[in-house]
Each structure stands twice: as structure tokens, then as C-alpha cells.
Amino acid sequence: MKKLITAVMLGACVSMASASALAADKLEPITYLLPAPKNLPAFAPWLIAQQQGYFKDEGLDVTFVTGKGGVDVAKQVGAGNAPIGGAIGDTPIIVRANGIPVKSVALMGAGGLTLIASHESAPIDEPQQLKGKTITVMAYTDTTYYSLLGTMHKVGLTRNDAEIQAAGPAGVWQLFASNKADAMAAVPDWVATVRHNGGKVHLMDPAKGFNSMAQAMIASDDTIKNNPQLIQRIVRATVKGMELIMKDPEGALKAYIKAVPAHEGKEDEMREVFRLYNKYVYADQKVPGKMDPERLAAVQDFYVSQGIVDKAAPLEDLYTNQFIEASQ
């Protein structure tokens, strides 16, 4: 009798293992293009979604591949080399003007990704105070630069009214931290890094600056039309990653450190990154992931007025909220 019971239990275990292997085999492999290396804290929602099994729950096996910035990601997605990728909500405005058929399918927060950071010893609280200052940005083709120009434009300043330096993703905060710059147009990651290294950082109220956009997920017109279920599953899982950061920062932090072991020992810095994203980027979005068309229209108007793009595209060509609305 014992032998019979043992045999039945063994058979059950083998069946369960076989079922698990079969389920794993059924996961659909997907390439997700990121605009920069995946270990950057900015991509925490995606890494948390993977670590927590949100993608797996949607039947997806996601592989993250690094592109060369948001515009490059948009080009690759538009060409069909990947079904979906990451950029900024502004990106479709730029690439649509060049005939690249992509649009935002989810926006990761109601705030802008760019913060105007200055030193606590010489705080900048108003856009007018940027005049004559040395300011670092990542690149002259990066959203941080365009956002800075938009903030200056609000008070009649141009790029010639300040010493704006394109310093790269490391130099942008290193020059600021070493007091070689008065301010930086920074993503929350850089602010947290400077503070973690002992710097005293003051942030201008984003409401006084330019209403640029948060990170976005972008997909091609073709994929949106012909494989909407795939986009729906990716969007749903990723937004859950963002919501975990918003609702349970400590739980999200533990999941993120597991996903990116390189950040072990940097928990305080990562905690500050999450705090900044929750306060300035993710907050106040009535429906997580939903694009605000009025804000998008205002950003596009600025891009056209500055000659960054030649003409405005119809708003419906730049975004869709269909996947966020379906998730609700």
C-alpha cells in the first residue's frame, strides 16, 4: 500500500513539473526596447513587473534590449524590429514629423521627467533666475534640453541667455555636483545620486516650468491595429509595476533590488529615487497610464514654435488611450 501511495505521489509530482514546464513553454517571447541600460532606476516599473511575475501572468517572456535613446527606439519600433519600446511622451511628436508611424500607448505619470535642480546655497525658484547661469543637460537632442528651453521660453528667455552644456548622462550631474554648473535639467535619478554623494539640491516647483511629459510606452500603428492584445498585456503588466511603487514603495524597493542586484547596498539612494518619482512624476495622474491630450497638444505647439518639428501632427496620430481604458 505504501508503495502504491508513493508511486501515486511521484506521478503527481512529475505531472505538476511537466505542467509547469509546459506553461513556461507557452510564454510568448517578446523584445522590449529600452532607450538606455535597464539597470537605471528610471526603468524600475518594467523591472519590477518582470520580477513580480506580472509579465508572466500575461503569458509573456520579456527580454529587454537597450537602444540608443528614445528616438532610436521609436525608429526601431516603427520599422517593426520590436513590437514595443520606451521613450518619452514627447517622442512621437518628433518622429511623426519624420514619417515614423508610432504613438504612445501609455504614459507613466502626470508629471514631467525633467526637474530644474540648483544648489541649496544658491536656489533657483523662478525661470527668470536661469538667465546667465551655467546649466547642464544630457544632450542637445534630449528631452531634458527641450524641457529646459520650454521653461526659459515661458519668461521670454532663449538658449542664448544661459550657458547650456551638453554633458552626457554622467557629466550632467557630475559637473553640477562639483559646482562647475549652477543648475541641471535633471531626471529624478540624477538628483538622488547627487544627494547620495553629499550634495544639497534644491528643486524648482515643476508647476513654474515647462509641462513636458513623463516616460511613455510606444508601439507602431501596425502592431496597434494587428496585435492589440499583445500591447494590452504589456501595458497592463507595466502599469502594475508603476502602481506598486506608488502604493507600496518599500515592497517595490525590495522587488527592484532583487531584479537589479547591482543596486544592493544602495537602498537609501533608490528609496530617494522612488520618492522623487512618486512626488514629481507619477503623482496626480487620475488614471494611471492615461495620456492628457491637452498637455500633449501644448507640448507639440512649443516644438513647432521652436522649429524642433516643421508642423503639428493630428493628436490622434501621437497617442491612444485605448489600452489604458480597456484595463480599467
C-alpha atoms as a PDB file:
ATOM      1  CA  MET A   1       0.000   0.000   0.000  1.00  0.00           C
ATOM      2  CA  LYS A   2       2.839   2.383   0.893  1.00  0.00           C
ATOM      3  CA  LYS A   3       4.490   1.620  -2.424  1.00  0.00           C
ATOM      4  CA  LEU A   4       1.228   2.443  -4.213  1.00  0.00           C
ATOM      5  CA  ILE A   5       0.838   5.759  -2.388  1.00  0.00           C
ATOM      6  CA  THR A   6       4.472   6.652  -3.096  1.00  0.00           C
ATOM      7  CA  ALA A   7       4.026   5.843  -6.754  1.00  0.00           C
ATOM      8  CA  VAL A   8       0.872   7.974  -6.967  1.00  0.00           C
ATOM      9  CA  MET A   9       2.599  10.925  -5.242  1.00  0.00           C
ATOM     10  CA  LEU A  10       5.619  10.592  -7.503  1.00  0.00           C
ATOM     11  CA  GLY A  11       3.397  10.504 -10.519  1.00  0.00           C
ATOM     12  CA  ALA A  12       1.574  13.616  -9.319  1.00  0.00           C
ATOM     13  CA  CYS A  13       4.872  15.459  -8.818  1.00  0.00           C
ATOM     14  CA  VAL A  14       6.025  14.510 -12.295  1.00  0.00           C
ATOM     15  CA  SER A  15       2.701  15.693 -13.740  1.00  0.00           C
ATOM     16  CA  MET A  16       2.980  19.028 -11.912  1.00  0.00           C
ATOM     17  CA  ALA A  17       6.550  19.519 -13.105  1.00  0.00           C
ATOM     18  CA  SER A  18       5.503  18.675 -16.649  1.00  0.00           C
ATOM     19  CA  ALA A  19       2.595  21.129 -16.419  1.00  0.00           C
ATOM     20  CA  SER A  20       4.939  23.876 -15.166  1.00  0.00           C
ATOM     21  CA  ALA A  21       7.384  23.201 -17.981  1.00  0.00           C
ATOM     22  CA  LEU A  22       4.538  23.254 -20.480  1.00  0.00           C
ATOM     23  CA  ALA A  23       3.269  26.560 -19.057  1.00  0.00           C
ATOM     24  CA  ALA A  24       6.767  28.024 -19.334  1.00  0.00           C
ATOM     25  CA  ASP A  25       6.971  26.824 -22.934  1.00  0.00           C
ATOM     26  CA  LYS A  26       3.714  28.629 -23.670  1.00  0.00           C
ATOM     27  CA  LEU A  27       5.067  32.027 -22.620  1.00  0.00           C
ATOM     28  CA  GLU A  28       5.283  34.287 -25.646  1.00  0.00           C
ATOM     29  CA  PRO A  29       8.803  35.700 -26.122  1.00  0.00           C
ATOM     30  CA  ILE A  30       8.756  39.484 -26.525  1.00  0.00           C
ATOM     31  CA  THR A  31      11.540  42.017 -27.074  1.00  0.00           C
ATOM     32  CA  TYR A  32      11.039  45.334 -25.280  1.00  0.00           C
ATOM     33  CA  LEU A  33      13.367  48.128 -26.374  1.00  0.00           C
ATOM     34  CA  LEU A  34      14.586  50.480 -23.651  1.00  0.00           C
ATOM     35  CA  PRO A  35      16.184  53.845 -24.514  1.00  0.00           C
ATOM     36  CA  ALA A  36      19.047  53.294 -22.031  1.00  0.00           C
ATOM     37  CA  PRO A  37      20.503  50.435 -19.933  1.00  0.00           C
ATOM     38  CA  LYS A  38      17.851  48.589 -17.931  1.00  0.00           C
ATOM     39  CA  ASN A  39      19.660  48.925 -14.583  1.00  0.00           C
ATOM     40  CA  LEU A  40      18.830  52.667 -14.448  1.00  0.00           C
ATOM     41  CA  PRO A  41      16.230  53.362 -11.725  1.00  0.00           C
ATOM     42  CA  ALA A  42      14.019  55.143 -14.265  1.00  0.00           C
ATOM     43  CA  PHE A  43      13.060  51.729 -15.587  1.00  0.00           C
ATOM     44  CA  ALA A  44      12.026  50.331 -12.216  1.00  0.00           C
ATOM     45  CA  PRO A  45       8.354  49.780 -13.211  1.00  0.00           C
ATOM     46  CA  TRP A  46       9.423  47.458 -16.013  1.00  0.00           C
ATOM     47  CA  LEU A  47      11.953  45.529 -13.936  1.00  0.00           C
ATOM     48  CA  ILE A  48       9.508  45.209 -11.051  1.00  0.00           C
ATOM     49  CA  ALA A  49       6.825  43.931 -13.441  1.00  0.00           C
ATOM     50  CA  GLN A  50       9.258  41.259 -14.553  1.00  0.00           C
ATOM     51  CA  GLN A  51      10.462  40.405 -11.040  1.00  0.00           C
ATOM     52  CA  GLN A  52       6.938  40.180  -9.612  1.00  0.00           C
ATOM     53  CA  GLY A  53       5.718  37.958 -12.432  1.00  0.00           C
ATOM     54  CA  TYR A  54       3.297  40.492 -13.900  1.00  0.00           C
ATOM     55  CA  PHE A  55       4.538  39.804 -17.433  1.00  0.00           C
ATOM     56  CA  LYS A  56       4.445  36.061 -16.817  1.00  0.00           C
ATOM     57  CA  ASP A  57       0.843  36.393 -15.611  1.00  0.00           C
ATOM     58  CA  GLU A  58       0.080  37.892 -19.014  1.00  0.00           C
ATOM     59  CA  GLY A  59       1.740  34.932 -20.744  1.00  0.00           C
ATOM     60  CA  LEU A  60       4.833  36.917 -21.727  1.00  0.00           C
ATOM     61  CA  ASP A  61       8.547  36.219 -21.539  1.00  0.00           C
ATOM     62  CA  VAL A  62      10.038  39.721 -21.898  1.00  0.00           C
ATOM     63  CA  THR A  63      13.624  40.387 -22.905  1.00  0.00           C
ATOM     64  CA  PHE A  64      14.870  43.961 -22.505  1.00  0.00           C
ATOM     65  CA  VAL A  65      17.215  45.255 -25.181  1.00  0.00           C
ATOM     66  CA  THR A  66      18.940  48.643 -24.965  1.00  0.00           C
ATOM     67  CA  GLY A  67      18.531  51.113 -27.805  1.00  0.00           C
ATOM     68  CA  LYS A  68      20.308  54.411 -28.404  1.00  0.00           C
ATOM     69  CA  GLY A  69      17.785  56.808 -26.893  1.00  0.00           C
ATOM     70  CA  GLY A  70      14.077  57.297 -27.323  1.00  0.00           C
ATOM     71  CA  VAL A  71      14.212  58.434 -30.950  1.00  0.00           C
ATOM     72  CA  ASP A  72      16.236  55.360 -31.915  1.00  0.00           C
ATOM     73  CA  VAL A  73      13.738  53.148 -30.086  1.00  0.00           C
ATOM     74  CA  ALA A  74      10.911  54.817 -31.991  1.00  0.00           C
ATOM     75  CA  LYS A  75      12.671  54.184 -35.298  1.00  0.00           C
ATOM     76  CA  GLN A  76      13.205  50.506 -34.456  1.00  0.00           C
ATOM     77  CA  VAL A  77       9.623  50.042 -33.293  1.00  0.00           C
ATOM     78  CA  GLY A  78       8.289  51.894 -36.329  1.00  0.00           C
ATOM     79  CA  ALA A  79      10.344  49.637 -38.597  1.00  0.00           C
ATOM     80  CA  GLY A  80       8.900  46.528 -36.959  1.00  0.00           C
ATOM     81  CA  ASN A  81      12.142  45.406 -35.306  1.00  0.00           C
ATOM     82  CA  ALA A  82      10.383  45.263 -31.916  1.00  0.00           C
ATOM     83  CA  PRO A  83       6.684  45.364 -31.048  1.00  0.00           C
ATOM     84  CA  ILE A  84       7.027  47.976 -28.307  1.00  0.00           C
ATOM     85  CA  GLY A  85       9.583  50.199 -26.614  1.00  0.00           C
ATOM     86  CA  GLY A  86      10.198  53.017 -24.182  1.00  0.00           C
ATOM     87  CA  ALA A  87      10.662  56.714 -24.842  1.00  0.00           C
ATOM     88  CA  ILE A  88       9.160  59.975 -23.584  1.00  0.00           C
ATOM     89  CA  GLY A  89       5.629  61.162 -24.208  1.00  0.00           C
ATOM     90  CA  ASP A  90       7.161  63.885 -26.402  1.00  0.00           C
ATOM     91  CA  THR A  91       8.923  61.408 -28.705  1.00  0.00           C
ATOM     92  CA  PRO A  92       6.064  60.694 -31.140  1.00  0.00           C
ATOM     93  CA  ILE A  93       5.838  64.447 -31.794  1.00  0.00           C
ATOM     94  CA  ILE A  94       9.412  64.424 -33.069  1.00  0.00           C
ATOM     95  CA  VAL A  95       9.413  61.169 -35.020  1.00  0.00           C
ATOM     96  CA  ARG A  96       5.987  61.525 -36.629  1.00  0.00           C
ATOM     97  CA  ALA A  97       7.336  64.605 -38.361  1.00  0.00           C
ATOM     98  CA  ASN A  98       9.910  62.302 -39.975  1.00  0.00           C
ATOM     99  CA  GLY A  99       7.376  59.746 -41.103  1.00  0.00           C
ATOM    100  CA  ILE A 100       7.886  57.180 -38.315  1.00  0.00           C
ATOM    101  CA  PRO A 101       4.445  55.633 -37.569  1.00  0.00           C
ATOM    102  CA  VAL A 102       4.448  55.225 -33.784  1.00  0.00           C
ATOM    103  CA  LYS A 103       2.305  56.543 -30.969  1.00  0.00           C
ATOM    104  CA  SER A 104       2.251  56.463 -27.174  1.00  0.00           C
ATOM    105  CA  VAL A 105       0.152  53.647 -25.739  1.00  0.00           C
ATOM    106  CA  ALA A 106       0.708  54.514 -22.065  1.00  0.00           C
ATOM    107  CA  LEU A 107       2.178  57.472 -20.179  1.00  0.00           C
ATOM    108  CA  MET A 108       3.957  56.710 -16.913  1.00  0.00           C
ATOM    109  CA  GLY A 109       2.785  59.594 -14.777  1.00  0.00           C
ATOM    110  CA  ALA A 110       1.160  63.015 -14.945  1.00  0.00           C
ATOM    111  CA  GLY A 111       4.346  64.965 -14.290  1.00  0.00           C
ATOM    112  CA  GLY A 112       7.347  65.727 -16.457  1.00  0.00           C
ATOM    113  CA  LEU A 113      10.507  63.661 -16.282  1.00  0.00           C
ATOM    114  CA  THR A 114      12.721  66.772 -16.121  1.00  0.00           C
ATOM    115  CA  LEU A 115      13.351  68.744 -12.921  1.00  0.00           C
ATOM    116  CA  ILE A 116      15.251  72.041 -12.667  1.00  0.00           C
ATOM    117  CA  ALA A 117      17.803  71.407  -9.936  1.00  0.00           C
ATOM    118  CA  SER A 118      20.056  74.011  -8.320  1.00  0.00           C
ATOM    119  CA  HIS A 119      22.263  74.217  -5.233  1.00  0.00           C
ATOM    120  CA  GLU A 120      20.615  74.879  -1.868  1.00  0.00           C
ATOM    121  CA  SER A 121      23.217  77.585  -1.293  1.00  0.00           C
ATOM    122  CA  ALA A 122      22.051  79.381  -4.466  1.00  0.00           C
ATOM    123  CA  PRO A 123      18.494  78.208  -5.110  1.00  0.00           C
ATOM    124  CA  ILE A 124      16.682  78.866  -8.366  1.00  0.00           C
ATOM    125  CA  ASP A 125      12.953  79.229  -7.732  1.00  0.00           C
ATOM    126  CA  GLU A 126      11.826  81.123 -10.824  1.00  0.00           C
ATOM    127  CA  PRO A 127      12.545  80.589 -14.538  1.00  0.00           C
ATOM    128  CA  GLN A 128      13.856  84.165 -14.755  1.00  0.00           C
ATOM    129  CA  GLN A 129      16.730  83.186 -12.467  1.00  0.00           C
ATOM    130  CA  LEU A 130      18.117  80.870 -15.155  1.00  0.00           C
ATOM    131  CA  LYS A 131      19.410  83.879 -17.051  1.00  0.00           C
ATOM    132  CA  GLY A 132      23.198  83.975 -17.109  1.00  0.00           C
ATOM    133  CA  LYS A 133      23.532  80.598 -15.357  1.00  0.00           C
ATOM    134  CA  THR A 134      25.627  77.596 -16.372  1.00  0.00           C
ATOM    135  CA  ILE A 135      23.204  74.718 -16.824  1.00  0.00           C
ATOM    136  CA  THR A 136      23.914  71.100 -17.727  1.00  0.00           C
ATOM    137  CA  VAL A 137      21.705  68.881 -19.881  1.00  0.00           C
ATOM    138  CA  MET A 138      22.330  65.373 -21.154  1.00  0.00           C
ATOM    139  CA  ALA A 139      22.389  66.289 -24.862  1.00  0.00           C
ATOM    140  CA  TYR A 140      21.105  68.941 -27.241  1.00  0.00           C
ATOM    141  CA  THR A 141      18.742  66.363 -28.748  1.00  0.00           C
ATOM    142  CA  ASP A 142      17.441  65.093 -25.399  1.00  0.00           C
ATOM    143  CA  THR A 143      14.106  65.848 -23.760  1.00  0.00           C
ATOM    144  CA  THR A 144      15.875  67.394 -20.756  1.00  0.00           C
ATOM    145  CA  TYR A 145      17.224  70.068 -23.108  1.00  0.00           C
ATOM    146  CA  TYR A 146      13.886  70.727 -24.774  1.00  0.00           C
ATOM    147  CA  SER A 147      12.195  70.925 -21.386  1.00  0.00           C
ATOM    148  CA  LEU A 148      14.772  73.454 -20.200  1.00  0.00           C
ATOM    149  CA  LEU A 149      14.192  75.557 -23.319  1.00  0.00           C
ATOM    150  CA  GLY A 150      10.450  75.388 -22.696  1.00  0.00           C
ATOM    151  CA  THR A 151      10.891  76.621 -19.124  1.00  0.00           C
ATOM    152  CA  MET A 152      13.063  79.516 -20.293  1.00  0.00           C
ATOM    153  CA  HIS A 153      10.663  80.321 -23.132  1.00  0.00           C
ATOM    154  CA  LYS A 154       7.842  80.867 -20.610  1.00  0.00           C
ATOM    155  CA  VAL A 155       9.593  84.036 -19.405  1.00  0.00           C
ATOM    156  CA  GLY A 156      10.982  85.201 -22.729  1.00  0.00           C
ATOM    157  CA  LEU A 157      14.466  83.687 -22.380  1.00  0.00           C
ATOM    158  CA  THR A 158      16.272  81.831 -25.174  1.00  0.00           C
ATOM    159  CA  ARG A 159      19.141  79.348 -25.124  1.00  0.00           C
ATOM    160  CA  ASN A 160      21.496  82.295 -25.658  1.00  0.00           C
ATOM    161  CA  ASP A 161      20.526  83.724 -22.273  1.00  0.00           C
ATOM    162  CA  ALA A 162      22.330  80.926 -20.401  1.00  0.00           C
ATOM    163  CA  GLU A 163      25.446  78.775 -20.763  1.00  0.00           C
ATOM    164  CA  ILE A 164      23.857  75.418 -21.555  1.00  0.00           C
ATOM    165  CA  GLN A 165      26.282  72.494 -21.644  1.00  0.00           C
ATOM    166  CA  ALA A 166      25.543  69.054 -23.099  1.00  0.00           C
ATOM    167  CA  ALA A 167      27.484  66.852 -20.694  1.00  0.00           C
ATOM    168  CA  GLY A 168      26.241  63.299 -21.249  1.00  0.00           C
ATOM    169  CA  PRO A 169      24.342  61.050 -18.806  1.00  0.00           C
ATOM    170  CA  ALA A 170      27.138  61.106 -16.201  1.00  0.00           C
ATOM    171  CA  GLY A 171      28.596  64.552 -16.757  1.00  0.00           C
ATOM    172  CA  VAL A 172      25.212  66.231 -16.418  1.00  0.00           C
ATOM    173  CA  TRP A 173      25.158  65.534 -12.682  1.00  0.00           C
ATOM    174  CA  GLN A 174      28.917  65.299 -12.053  1.00  0.00           C
ATOM    175  CA  LEU A 175      29.567  68.861 -13.269  1.00  0.00           C
ATOM    176  CA  PHE A 176      26.697  70.076 -11.127  1.00  0.00           C
ATOM    177  CA  ALA A 177      27.855  68.109  -8.067  1.00  0.00           C
ATOM    178  CA  SER A 178      31.376  69.543  -8.392  1.00  0.00           C
ATOM    179  CA  ASN A 179      29.938  73.103  -8.507  1.00  0.00           C
ATOM    180  CA  LYS A 180      31.007  73.608 -12.124  1.00  0.00           C
ATOM    181  CA  ALA A 181      27.386  74.290 -13.022  1.00  0.00           C
ATOM    182  CA  ASP A 182      24.720  76.400 -11.340  1.00  0.00           C
ATOM    183  CA  ALA A 183      21.864  74.121 -12.311  1.00  0.00           C
ATOM    184  CA  MET A 184      20.982  70.970 -14.190  1.00  0.00           C
ATOM    185  CA  ALA A 185      17.936  69.860 -16.153  1.00  0.00           C
ATOM    186  CA  ALA A 186      17.718  66.531 -14.387  1.00  0.00           C
ATOM    187  CA  VAL A 187      15.712  63.351 -14.171  1.00  0.00           C
ATOM    188  CA  PRO A 188      14.993  62.190 -10.590  1.00  0.00           C
ATOM    189  CA  ASP A 189      17.771  59.577 -10.800  1.00  0.00           C
ATOM    190  CA  TRP A 190      20.464  62.259 -11.051  1.00  0.00           C
ATOM    191  CA  VAL A 191      19.015  64.319  -8.220  1.00  0.00           C
ATOM    192  CA  ALA A 192      19.083  61.269  -5.940  1.00  0.00           C
ATOM    193  CA  THR A 193      22.656  60.470  -6.984  1.00  0.00           C
ATOM    194  CA  VAL A 194      23.896  63.963  -6.137  1.00  0.00           C
ATOM    195  CA  ARG A 195      22.136  63.870  -2.769  1.00  0.00           C
ATOM    196  CA  HIS A 196      23.510  60.409  -2.048  1.00  0.00           C
ATOM    197  CA  ASN A 197      27.004  61.793  -2.668  1.00  0.00           C
ATOM    198  CA  GLY A 198      26.506  64.594  -0.174  1.00  0.00           C
ATOM    199  CA  GLY A 199      25.222  67.349  -2.441  1.00  0.00           C
ATOM    200  CA  LYS A 200      22.495  69.728  -1.268  1.00  0.00           C
ATOM    201  CA  VAL A 201      19.953  70.001  -4.072  1.00  0.00           C
ATOM    202  CA  HIS A 202      17.106  72.484  -4.416  1.00  0.00           C
ATOM    203  CA  LEU A 203      14.268  71.781  -6.868  1.00  0.00           C
ATOM    204  CA  MET A 204      12.197  74.420  -8.588  1.00  0.00           C
ATOM    205  CA  ASP A 205       8.443  73.855  -8.401  1.00  0.00           C
ATOM    206  CA  PRO A 206       7.670  71.973 -11.657  1.00  0.00           C
ATOM    207  CA  ALA A 207       4.444  73.966 -11.993  1.00  0.00           C
ATOM    208  CA  LYS A 208       6.597  77.008 -12.810  1.00  0.00           C
ATOM    209  CA  GLY A 209       8.401  75.154 -15.591  1.00  0.00           C
ATOM    210  CA  PHE A 210       7.531  73.611 -18.920  1.00  0.00           C
ATOM    211  CA  ASN A 211       4.908  70.868 -18.948  1.00  0.00           C
ATOM    212  CA  SER A 212       6.947  68.229 -20.734  1.00  0.00           C
ATOM    213  CA  MET A 213       5.959  64.585 -20.478  1.00  0.00           C
ATOM    214  CA  ALA A 214       6.824  61.518 -18.432  1.00  0.00           C
ATOM    215  CA  GLN A 215       8.132  58.243 -19.843  1.00  0.00           C
ATOM    216  CA  ALA A 216       5.881  56.513 -22.327  1.00  0.00           C
ATOM    217  CA  MET A 217       5.456  53.147 -23.970  1.00  0.00           C
ATOM    218  CA  ILE A 218       5.311  53.412 -27.745  1.00  0.00           C
ATOM    219  CA  ALA A 219       4.096  50.999 -30.397  1.00  0.00           C
ATOM    220  CA  SER A 220       3.711  51.130 -34.150  1.00  0.00           C
ATOM    221  CA  ASP A 221       0.433  51.804 -35.910  1.00  0.00           C
ATOM    222  CA  ASP A 222       0.722  48.356 -37.476  1.00  0.00           C
ATOM    223  CA  THR A 223       1.092  46.498 -34.163  1.00  0.00           C
ATOM    224  CA  ILE A 224      -1.679  48.528 -32.529  1.00  0.00           C
ATOM    225  CA  LYS A 225      -4.002  47.594 -35.376  1.00  0.00           C
ATOM    226  CA  ASN A 226      -2.997  43.967 -35.930  1.00  0.00           C
ATOM    227  CA  ASN A 227      -1.949  42.767 -32.471  1.00  0.00           C
ATOM    228  CA  PRO A 228      -3.737  44.949 -29.901  1.00  0.00           C
ATOM    229  CA  GLN A 229      -3.968  42.050 -27.416  1.00  0.00           C
ATOM    230  CA  LEU A 230      -0.167  41.949 -27.155  1.00  0.00           C
ATOM    231  CA  ILE A 231       0.076  45.681 -26.449  1.00  0.00           C
ATOM    232  CA  GLN A 232      -2.746  45.395 -23.918  1.00  0.00           C
ATOM    233  CA  ARG A 233      -0.906  42.689 -21.960  1.00  0.00           C
ATOM    234  CA  ILE A 234       2.407  44.573 -21.889  1.00  0.00           C
ATOM    235  CA  VAL A 235       0.767  47.840 -20.865  1.00  0.00           C
ATOM    236  CA  ARG A 236      -1.308  46.218 -18.133  1.00  0.00           C
ATOM    237  CA  ALA A 237       1.715  44.486 -16.569  1.00  0.00           C
ATOM    238  CA  THR A 238       3.979  47.538 -16.707  1.00  0.00           C
ATOM    239  CA  VAL A 239       1.418  49.908 -15.201  1.00  0.00           C
ATOM    240  CA  LYS A 240       1.061  47.426 -12.328  1.00  0.00           C
ATOM    241  CA  GLY A 241       4.806  47.839 -11.750  1.00  0.00           C
ATOM    242  CA  MET A 242       4.400  51.611 -11.518  1.00  0.00           C
ATOM    243  CA  GLU A 243       1.400  51.279  -9.208  1.00  0.00           C
ATOM    244  CA  LEU A 244       3.390  49.085  -6.816  1.00  0.00           C
ATOM    245  CA  ILE A 245       5.973  51.879  -6.483  1.00  0.00           C
ATOM    246  CA  MET A 246       3.155  54.327  -5.775  1.00  0.00           C
ATOM    247  CA  LYS A 247       1.200  52.185  -3.306  1.00  0.00           C
ATOM    248  CA  ASP A 248       3.955  50.186  -1.611  1.00  0.00           C
ATOM    249  CA  PRO A 249       7.355  51.865  -2.098  1.00  0.00           C
ATOM    250  CA  GLU A 250       9.139  49.579   0.363  1.00  0.00           C
ATOM    251  CA  GLY A 251       7.748  46.431  -1.204  1.00  0.00           C
ATOM    252  CA  ALA A 252       8.613  47.797  -4.640  1.00  0.00           C
ATOM    253  CA  LEU A 253      12.132  48.596  -3.440  1.00  0.00           C
ATOM    254  CA  LYS A 254      12.691  45.015  -2.277  1.00  0.00           C
ATOM    255  CA  ALA A 255      11.445  43.670  -5.613  1.00  0.00           C
ATOM    256  CA  TYR A 256      13.608  46.122  -7.533  1.00  0.00           C
ATOM    257  CA  ILE A 257      16.793  45.216  -5.634  1.00  0.00           C
ATOM    258  CA  LYS A 258      16.106  41.542  -6.414  1.00  0.00           C
ATOM    259  CA  ALA A 259      15.649  42.446 -10.064  1.00  0.00           C
ATOM    260  CA  VAL A 260      18.828  44.556 -10.165  1.00  0.00           C
ATOM    261  CA  PRO A 261      21.332  43.125  -7.652  1.00  0.00           C
ATOM    262  CA  ALA A 262      23.847  45.784  -8.718  1.00  0.00           C
ATOM    263  CA  HIS A 263      21.879  48.204  -6.517  1.00  0.00           C
ATOM    264  CA  GLU A 264      22.325  46.156  -3.347  1.00  0.00           C
ATOM    265  CA  GLY A 265      23.747  48.447  -0.675  1.00  0.00           C
ATOM    266  CA  LYS A 266      22.209  51.475  -2.396  1.00  0.00           C
ATOM    267  CA  GLU A 267      18.777  51.095  -0.854  1.00  0.00           C
ATOM    268  CA  ASP A 268      18.716  54.641   0.561  1.00  0.00           C
ATOM    269  CA  GLU A 269      19.554  56.137  -2.828  1.00  0.00           C
ATOM    270  CA  MET A 270      16.944  54.001  -4.608  1.00  0.00           C
ATOM    271  CA  ARG A 271      14.401  54.891  -1.919  1.00  0.00           C
ATOM    272  CA  GLU A 272      15.024  58.587  -2.685  1.00  0.00           C
ATOM    273  CA  VAL A 273      14.622  57.903  -6.409  1.00  0.00           C
ATOM    274  CA  PHE A 274      11.231  56.277  -5.788  1.00  0.00           C
ATOM    275  CA  ARG A 275      10.199  59.176  -3.541  1.00  0.00           C
ATOM    276  CA  LEU A 276      11.046  61.699  -6.254  1.00  0.00           C
ATOM    277  CA  TYR A 277       9.209  59.764  -8.948  1.00  0.00           C
ATOM    278  CA  ASN A 278       6.154  59.402  -6.718  1.00  0.00           C
ATOM    279  CA  LYS A 279       6.138  63.105  -5.876  1.00  0.00           C
ATOM    280  CA  TYR A 280       7.041  64.693  -9.201  1.00  0.00           C
ATOM    281  CA  VAL A 281       6.356  62.188 -11.992  1.00  0.00           C
ATOM    282  CA  TYR A 282       3.798  59.502 -11.126  1.00  0.00           C
ATOM    283  CA  ALA A 283       1.574  61.597  -8.842  1.00  0.00           C
ATOM    284  CA  ASP A 284      -1.735  63.220  -9.767  1.00  0.00           C
ATOM    285  CA  GLN A 285      -2.452  61.004 -12.782  1.00  0.00           C
ATOM    286  CA  LYS A 286      -6.172  60.362 -12.327  1.00  0.00           C
ATOM    287  CA  VAL A 287      -5.986  57.138 -14.312  1.00  0.00           C
ATOM    288  CA  PRO A 288      -2.524  55.511 -14.156  1.00  0.00           C
ATOM    289  CA  GLY A 289      -1.026  55.362 -17.639  1.00  0.00           C
ATOM    290  CA  LYS A 290      -3.518  57.703 -19.319  1.00  0.00           C
ATOM    291  CA  MET A 291      -2.329  60.445 -21.672  1.00  0.00           C
ATOM    292  CA  ASP A 292      -3.632  64.008 -21.236  1.00  0.00           C
ATOM    293  CA  PRO A 293      -4.280  65.199 -24.814  1.00  0.00           C
ATOM    294  CA  GLU A 294      -4.409  68.886 -23.827  1.00  0.00           C
ATOM    295  CA  ARG A 295      -0.951  68.686 -22.314  1.00  0.00           C
ATOM    296  CA  LEU A 296       0.345  66.775 -25.334  1.00  0.00           C
ATOM    297  CA  ALA A 297      -1.089  69.460 -27.630  1.00  0.00           C
ATOM    298  CA  ALA A 298       0.642  72.220 -25.644  1.00  0.00           C
ATOM    299  CA  VAL A 299       3.977  70.387 -25.848  1.00  0.00           C
ATOM    300  CA  GLN A 300       3.579  69.939 -29.599  1.00  0.00           C
ATOM    301  CA  ASP A 301       2.737  73.638 -30.054  1.00  0.00           C
ATOM    302  CA  PHE A 302       6.029  74.512 -28.346  1.00  0.00           C
ATOM    303  CA  TYR A 303       8.011  72.096 -30.513  1.00  0.00           C
ATOM    304  CA  VAL A 304       6.503  73.655 -33.639  1.00  0.00           C
ATOM    305  CA  SER A 305       7.072  77.232 -32.418  1.00  0.00           C
ATOM    306  CA  GLN A 306      10.751  76.475 -31.790  1.00  0.00           C
ATOM    307  CA  GLY A 307      11.273  74.783 -35.131  1.00  0.00           C
ATOM    308  CA  ILE A 308      12.053  71.431 -33.490  1.00  0.00           C
ATOM    309  CA  VAL A 309       9.426  69.957 -35.810  1.00  0.00           C
ATOM    310  CA  ASP A 310       8.137  71.534 -39.008  1.00  0.00           C
ATOM    311  CA  LYS A 311       4.420  71.140 -38.436  1.00  0.00           C
ATOM    312  CA  ALA A 312       1.923  69.742 -35.983  1.00  0.00           C
ATOM    313  CA  ALA A 313       0.530  66.245 -36.403  1.00  0.00           C
ATOM    314  CA  PRO A 314      -3.074  65.342 -35.591  1.00  0.00           C
ATOM    315  CA  LEU A 315      -3.196  64.417 -31.899  1.00  0.00           C
ATOM    316  CA  GLU A 316      -4.788  61.049 -32.675  1.00  0.00           C
ATOM    317  CA  ASP A 317      -1.592  60.156 -34.549  1.00  0.00           C
ATOM    318  CA  LEU A 318       0.519  60.736 -31.428  1.00  0.00           C
ATOM    319  CA  TYR A 319      -1.222  58.654 -28.760  1.00  0.00           C
ATOM    320  CA  THR A 320      -4.017  56.274 -27.888  1.00  0.00           C
ATOM    321  CA  ASN A 321      -5.642  55.666 -24.509  1.00  0.00           C
ATOM    322  CA  GLN A 322      -7.474  52.548 -25.717  1.00  0.00           C
ATOM    323  CA  PHE A 323      -5.282  50.142 -23.760  1.00  0.00           C
ATOM    324  CA  ILE A 324      -5.464  52.088 -20.505  1.00  0.00           C
ATOM    325  CA  GLU A 325      -9.224  52.461 -20.821  1.00  0.00           C
ATOM    326  CA  ALA A 326      -9.606  48.746 -21.533  1.00  0.00           C
ATOM    327  CA  SER A 327      -7.552  47.927 -18.435  1.00  0.00           C
ATOM    328  CA  GLN A 328      -9.971  49.914 -16.277  1.00  0.00           C
END
